[in-house]
Protein backbone atom coordinates (compact mmCIF):
# COMPACT_ATOMS: atom_id res chain seq x y z
CA MET A 1 -3.55 31.85 -32.79
CA GLN A 2 -7.34 31.50 -33.08
CA GLU A 3 -8.08 33.74 -30.11
CA ARG A 4 -6.21 36.59 -31.81
CA ILE A 5 -8.50 36.57 -34.88
CA LEU A 6 -11.92 38.21 -35.08
CA ALA A 7 -14.39 37.10 -37.75
CA GLY A 8 -17.02 39.49 -39.05
CA ILE A 9 -20.14 38.86 -41.14
CA VAL A 10 -22.28 41.62 -42.63
CA THR A 11 -25.95 40.70 -43.01
CA TYR A 12 -28.56 42.26 -45.27
CA ASN A 13 -31.70 40.23 -46.01
CA PRO A 14 -29.83 36.92 -45.74
CA ASP A 15 -31.08 33.43 -46.41
CA MET A 16 -31.40 32.18 -42.85
CA THR A 17 -30.44 28.57 -43.49
CA THR A 18 -27.20 29.52 -45.25
CA LEU A 19 -26.35 32.18 -42.66
CA LYS A 20 -26.74 29.71 -39.82
CA GLU A 21 -24.61 27.16 -41.67
CA GLY A 22 -21.91 29.78 -42.19
CA ILE A 23 -21.95 30.81 -38.53
CA LYS A 24 -21.55 27.23 -37.37
CA ALA A 25 -18.64 26.74 -39.77
CA ILE A 26 -16.57 29.75 -38.67
CA LEU A 27 -17.47 30.08 -34.98
CA PRO A 28 -15.16 27.30 -33.66
CA GLN A 29 -12.19 28.67 -35.62
CA VAL A 30 -11.93 32.21 -34.24
CA GLY A 31 -11.65 34.03 -30.94
CA LYS A 32 -14.82 36.02 -31.53
CA LEU A 33 -17.52 36.40 -34.19
CA LEU A 34 -19.15 39.77 -34.87
CA ILE A 35 -22.35 40.21 -36.87
CA VAL A 36 -23.01 43.64 -38.36
CA GLU A 37 -26.74 43.63 -39.12
CA ASN A 38 -27.35 46.19 -41.86
CA ALA A 39 -31.07 46.94 -41.35
CA SER A 40 -32.43 43.79 -43.00
CA ASP A 41 -36.13 43.39 -43.69
CA ASN A 42 -35.95 40.14 -41.71
CA GLN A 43 -33.94 41.63 -38.86
CA ASN A 44 -36.17 40.18 -36.14
CA GLU A 45 -35.71 36.70 -37.58
CA ILE A 46 -31.94 37.21 -37.67
CA LEU A 47 -31.80 38.36 -34.04
CA GLU A 48 -33.98 35.47 -32.93
CA MET A 49 -31.63 33.01 -34.65
CA LEU A 50 -28.56 34.70 -33.16
CA SER A 51 -29.99 34.20 -29.67
CA ASP A 52 -28.98 30.55 -30.10
CA PHE A 53 -25.33 31.71 -30.19
CA PRO A 54 -24.79 33.74 -26.99
CA THR A 55 -21.07 34.35 -27.60
CA ILE A 56 -21.65 36.23 -30.87
CA GLU A 57 -21.24 40.01 -30.70
CA LYS A 58 -23.74 42.14 -32.64
CA ILE A 59 -23.84 45.63 -34.09
CA ILE A 60 -27.38 46.54 -35.15
CA CYS A 61 -27.59 49.32 -37.75
CA ALA A 62 -30.65 51.55 -37.91
CA GLU A 63 -30.28 51.85 -41.70
CA ASN A 64 -28.38 50.14 -44.49
CA ALA A 65 -25.15 52.11 -44.52
CA GLY A 66 -23.47 49.90 -47.12
CA ILE A 67 -20.88 47.15 -47.04
CA ALA A 68 -17.91 49.54 -46.72
CA ARG A 69 -19.15 51.11 -43.50
CA ALA A 70 -20.03 47.69 -42.11
CA LEU A 71 -16.50 46.46 -42.87
CA ASN A 72 -15.11 49.49 -41.06
CA GLU A 73 -17.32 48.59 -38.09
CA ILE A 74 -15.69 45.16 -38.04
CA GLY A 75 -12.21 46.68 -38.24
CA ASP A 76 -12.99 49.22 -35.51
CA PHE A 77 -14.25 46.42 -33.25
CA ALA A 78 -11.03 44.49 -33.86
CA VAL A 79 -9.04 47.58 -32.86
CA ARG A 80 -11.07 48.20 -29.70
CA GLU A 81 -10.86 44.57 -28.60
CA SER A 82 -7.10 44.30 -29.36
CA PHE A 83 -7.32 41.54 -31.97
CA ASP A 84 -4.29 41.06 -34.23
CA PHE A 85 -6.26 40.12 -37.37
CA PHE A 86 -9.83 40.12 -38.61
CA LEU A 87 -11.49 37.85 -41.15
CA THR A 88 -14.36 39.16 -43.26
CA LEU A 89 -17.11 36.94 -44.66
CA ASP A 90 -20.26 37.41 -46.71
CA GLN A 91 -23.60 36.34 -45.26
CA ASP A 92 -23.66 33.27 -47.53
CA SER A 93 -20.02 32.27 -46.97
CA VAL A 94 -19.50 28.76 -45.59
CA VAL A 95 -15.83 28.13 -44.79
CA ILE A 96 -14.00 24.82 -44.66
CA PRO A 97 -13.33 23.37 -41.16
CA ASP A 98 -9.59 24.12 -41.17
CA LEU A 99 -9.52 27.48 -42.94
CA LEU A 100 -7.66 29.40 -40.22
CA THR A 101 -5.27 26.51 -39.63
CA ARG A 102 -4.28 26.67 -43.30
CA TYR A 103 -3.95 30.46 -43.13
CA GLU A 104 -1.78 30.47 -40.03
CA PRO A 105 1.67 29.84 -41.63
CA TYR A 106 1.23 32.97 -43.78
CA LEU A 107 -0.15 35.42 -41.23
CA HIS A 108 3.22 36.85 -40.31
CA THR A 109 4.50 37.28 -43.85
CA GLU A 110 6.46 40.50 -44.18
CA ASN A 111 4.34 43.50 -45.29
CA LEU A 112 1.15 41.40 -45.34
CA GLY A 113 -1.82 43.47 -46.42
CA LEU A 114 -4.43 40.78 -47.11
CA LEU A 115 -4.49 37.00 -47.11
CA ASN A 116 -7.18 34.96 -48.81
CA SER A 117 -7.89 31.65 -50.50
CA ARG A 118 -10.21 30.95 -53.45
CA TYR A 119 -13.97 30.59 -53.20
CA ASN A 120 -16.17 28.05 -54.93
CA GLU A 121 -19.44 29.33 -56.43
CA ARG A 122 -22.31 27.41 -54.89
CA THR A 123 -24.31 26.92 -58.09
CA LEU A 124 -21.50 26.58 -60.63
CA GLN A 125 -19.11 24.46 -58.54
CA TYR A 126 -15.79 25.44 -60.09
CA GLY A 127 -13.42 22.63 -61.00
CA ASP A 128 -10.27 21.39 -59.31
CA ILE A 129 -7.66 24.10 -58.75
CA GLY A 130 -4.96 21.55 -59.40
CA THR A 131 -1.35 22.54 -58.78
CA SER A 132 -1.85 26.29 -58.89
CA GLU A 133 0.79 28.45 -57.25
CA ILE A 134 0.20 31.06 -54.56
CA VAL A 135 -0.80 34.31 -56.23
CA ILE A 136 1.19 37.22 -54.81
CA ASP A 137 0.15 40.84 -55.27
CA SER A 138 -3.29 39.91 -56.57
CA PRO A 139 -5.35 43.09 -57.08
CA TYR A 140 -8.57 41.04 -57.24
CA MET A 141 -8.74 40.21 -53.53
CA VAL A 142 -12.40 39.77 -52.60
CA THR A 143 -13.73 40.52 -49.12
CA ALA A 144 -15.13 37.08 -48.38
CA GLY A 145 -12.47 34.93 -46.77
CA ALA A 146 -9.90 37.73 -46.48
CA VAL A 147 -7.80 38.27 -43.36
CA MET A 148 -6.36 41.72 -42.69
CA PRO A 149 -3.84 42.64 -39.98
CA VAL A 150 -5.38 45.17 -37.59
CA LEU A 151 -2.28 47.35 -37.88
CA VAL A 152 -2.93 47.64 -41.61
CA PHE A 153 -6.58 48.57 -41.06
CA LYS A 154 -5.51 51.43 -38.81
CA LYS A 155 -3.86 52.98 -41.88
CA PHE A 156 -6.35 51.93 -44.57
CA ARG A 157 -10.09 52.14 -43.99
CA TYR A 158 -12.64 51.00 -46.55
CA ASP A 159 -14.00 53.79 -48.75
CA GLU A 160 -17.57 54.29 -47.51
CA PHE A 161 -18.53 56.38 -50.54
CA LEU A 162 -18.43 53.21 -52.65
CA PHE A 163 -21.23 51.72 -50.51
CA ILE A 164 -21.26 48.35 -52.33
CA ASP A 165 -19.36 46.92 -55.31
CA LYS A 166 -15.60 47.25 -55.83
CA VAL A 167 -15.12 48.10 -52.16
CA ASP A 168 -12.75 45.16 -51.85
CA PHE A 169 -10.88 45.83 -55.11
CA ASP A 170 -10.40 49.47 -54.16
CA MET A 171 -8.80 48.37 -50.90
CA SER A 172 -6.62 45.83 -52.72
CA PHE A 173 -5.37 48.41 -55.19
CA ARG A 174 -4.59 50.95 -52.45
CA LEU A 175 -2.64 48.37 -50.47
CA LEU A 176 -0.64 47.33 -53.51
CA LYS A 177 0.24 50.94 -54.29
CA ALA A 178 1.51 51.22 -50.70
CA HIS A 179 3.75 48.14 -51.29
CA TYR A 180 1.83 45.69 -49.10
CA LYS A 181 1.62 42.05 -50.13
CA LEU A 182 -1.66 40.39 -51.04
CA TYR A 183 -1.58 36.60 -51.00
CA SER A 184 -4.20 34.32 -52.58
CA LEU A 185 -3.67 30.71 -51.53
CA PRO A 186 -4.46 27.95 -54.07
CA PHE A 187 -7.33 26.13 -52.38
CA TYR A 188 -11.07 26.60 -51.98
CA GLY A 189 -11.47 28.02 -48.50
CA LEU A 190 -15.19 28.71 -48.71
CA THR A 191 -18.33 28.30 -50.76
CA GLN A 192 -20.73 31.13 -51.59
CA SER A 193 -22.93 32.55 -54.34
CA ILE A 194 -22.49 35.34 -56.88
CA GLY A 195 -25.87 36.88 -57.58
CA ASP A 196 -28.84 34.76 -58.60
CA VAL A 197 -26.92 32.86 -61.24
CA LYS A 198 -28.76 31.05 -64.02
CA ILE A 199 -27.10 28.98 -66.75
CA ILE A 200 -28.63 29.54 -70.20
CA HIS A 201 -27.79 26.90 -72.78
CA PHE A 202 -27.41 27.72 -76.47
CA PRO A 203 -26.56 25.23 -79.27
CA LEU A 204 -22.82 26.06 -79.29
CA ARG A 205 -22.22 27.57 -75.87
CA LYS A 206 -23.72 28.44 -72.52
CA LEU A 207 -24.03 31.85 -70.86
CA TYR A 208 -24.30 32.80 -67.22
CA ALA A 209 -27.00 35.28 -66.21
CA TRP A 210 -26.24 36.79 -62.79
CA ASN A 211 -29.58 38.59 -62.36
CA TYR A 212 -28.12 41.49 -60.38
CA SER A 213 -30.71 43.98 -59.16
CA PRO A 214 -30.96 47.45 -60.76
CA THR A 215 -29.52 48.90 -57.54
CA ARG A 216 -26.47 46.69 -57.88
CA ILE A 217 -26.14 47.62 -61.57
CA TYR A 218 -26.18 51.30 -60.57
CA TYR A 219 -23.32 50.88 -58.10
CA MET A 220 -21.35 48.70 -60.50
CA ALA A 221 -21.50 51.39 -63.17
CA ARG A 222 -20.92 54.30 -60.82
CA ASN A 223 -18.05 52.69 -58.96
CA GLY A 224 -16.40 51.51 -62.17
CA VAL A 225 -16.06 55.14 -63.21
CA VAL A 226 -15.06 56.16 -59.67
CA PHE A 227 -12.37 53.46 -59.60
CA TYR A 228 -11.00 54.76 -62.91
CA LYS A 229 -10.91 58.34 -61.59
CA LYS A 230 -9.28 57.30 -58.30
CA HIS A 231 -6.64 54.95 -59.68
CA GLY A 232 -6.12 56.08 -63.25
CA SER A 233 -6.05 54.12 -66.47
CA ASN A 234 -4.71 50.60 -65.94
CA ASP A 235 -5.68 47.05 -66.86
CA MET A 236 -7.93 46.74 -63.82
CA SER A 237 -9.80 50.04 -64.17
CA ARG A 238 -10.33 49.59 -67.91
CA GLY A 239 -11.42 46.01 -67.31
CA PHE A 240 -14.10 47.13 -64.85
CA LEU A 241 -15.57 49.57 -67.37
CA LYS A 242 -15.79 46.82 -69.96
CA SER A 243 -17.12 44.13 -67.63
CA ASP A 244 -19.76 46.42 -66.12
CA PHE A 245 -21.05 47.24 -69.59
CA ARG A 246 -21.19 43.52 -70.42
CA VAL A 247 -23.12 42.84 -67.19
CA MET A 248 -25.67 45.51 -68.13
CA LEU A 249 -25.93 44.25 -71.71
CA LYS A 250 -26.41 40.67 -70.58
CA GLY A 251 -29.05 41.86 -68.13
CA VAL A 252 -30.93 43.52 -70.99
CA LEU A 253 -30.69 40.49 -73.27
CA LEU A 254 -31.15 37.62 -70.84
CA GLU A 255 -32.59 38.80 -67.53
CA ARG A 256 -35.54 40.46 -65.86
CA GLN A 257 -36.18 44.20 -65.26
CA LYS A 258 -34.52 45.20 -68.53
CA LEU A 259 -35.54 48.88 -68.66
CA LYS A 260 -34.76 49.41 -64.98
CA LYS A 261 -31.27 47.99 -65.51
CA ILE A 262 -30.58 50.26 -68.48
CA ASN A 263 -31.75 53.24 -66.46
CA ALA A 264 -29.66 52.22 -63.45
CA TYR A 265 -26.55 51.78 -65.59
CA VAL A 266 -26.91 55.20 -67.25
CA ARG A 267 -27.55 56.93 -63.91
CA GLY A 268 -24.54 55.17 -62.44
CA ILE A 269 -22.23 56.31 -65.24
CA PHE A 270 -23.27 59.94 -64.83
CA ALA A 271 -22.98 59.74 -61.04
CA GLY A 272 -19.46 58.39 -61.44
CA LEU A 273 -18.52 61.19 -63.81
CA ARG A 274 -19.59 63.72 -61.16
CA TYR A 275 -17.35 62.09 -58.54
CA LYS A 276 -14.50 64.07 -57.02
CA GLU A 277 -11.81 62.85 -54.64
CA THR A 278 -13.78 64.35 -51.74
CA GLY A 279 -16.24 61.49 -52.35
CA LYS A 280 -19.10 63.58 -53.72
């Protein structure tokens, strides 16, 4: 089964130590590993490190075209090379040694759209999952750790207009509307980070500051509105609008670059309002 699965990692200014650890973790589990290098500032350092892994395939982008286009590059490679499935990972994802072995029994589930496990946040270290059940039809299927059948990708490409943020949730929602199944298995299949998380302690509670960049705040706000316009009013689309506002507000109250984040959020909202289905 392993030789029929491609793994893909998108890199953009990665931490080299974590990237190398992630490569070593996934490389023995798949038939091929593809790196899509998205015009990082430290691209030369990345390529030098990758020279230690001669079997890895590379696509070197001249500019940062966004996570959605990079994911489509991975899917297109899987199509060209006749893989049956492809696994997508973030540049800081470090998978467990038997991830694909634990995925294998579910790969031929009828109408499978995406298969994933849970991820553990590197700084926070989430607690024991316990006896959780498999989540079926989960609309919150993140990219990192997700396996997609190549036949499904041929019908559903990632929306490149989104660039970053909510790219994965947009795909999940589209697959669900087309009656595909999305399975989230109840175990931690990988460890990675969400932003530059800091825990701020108050007398009665603690808050998490994610320290997203103004650029990320812009795309969060813009794509929250775009998601609402694409998929209509539902629990997920309304939830994104609320959570994106909370992220911006927390950034203003607790984080750095306060004015830049307010400006980015406002610009993102107006950009989203101008969106049309043509992706403009």
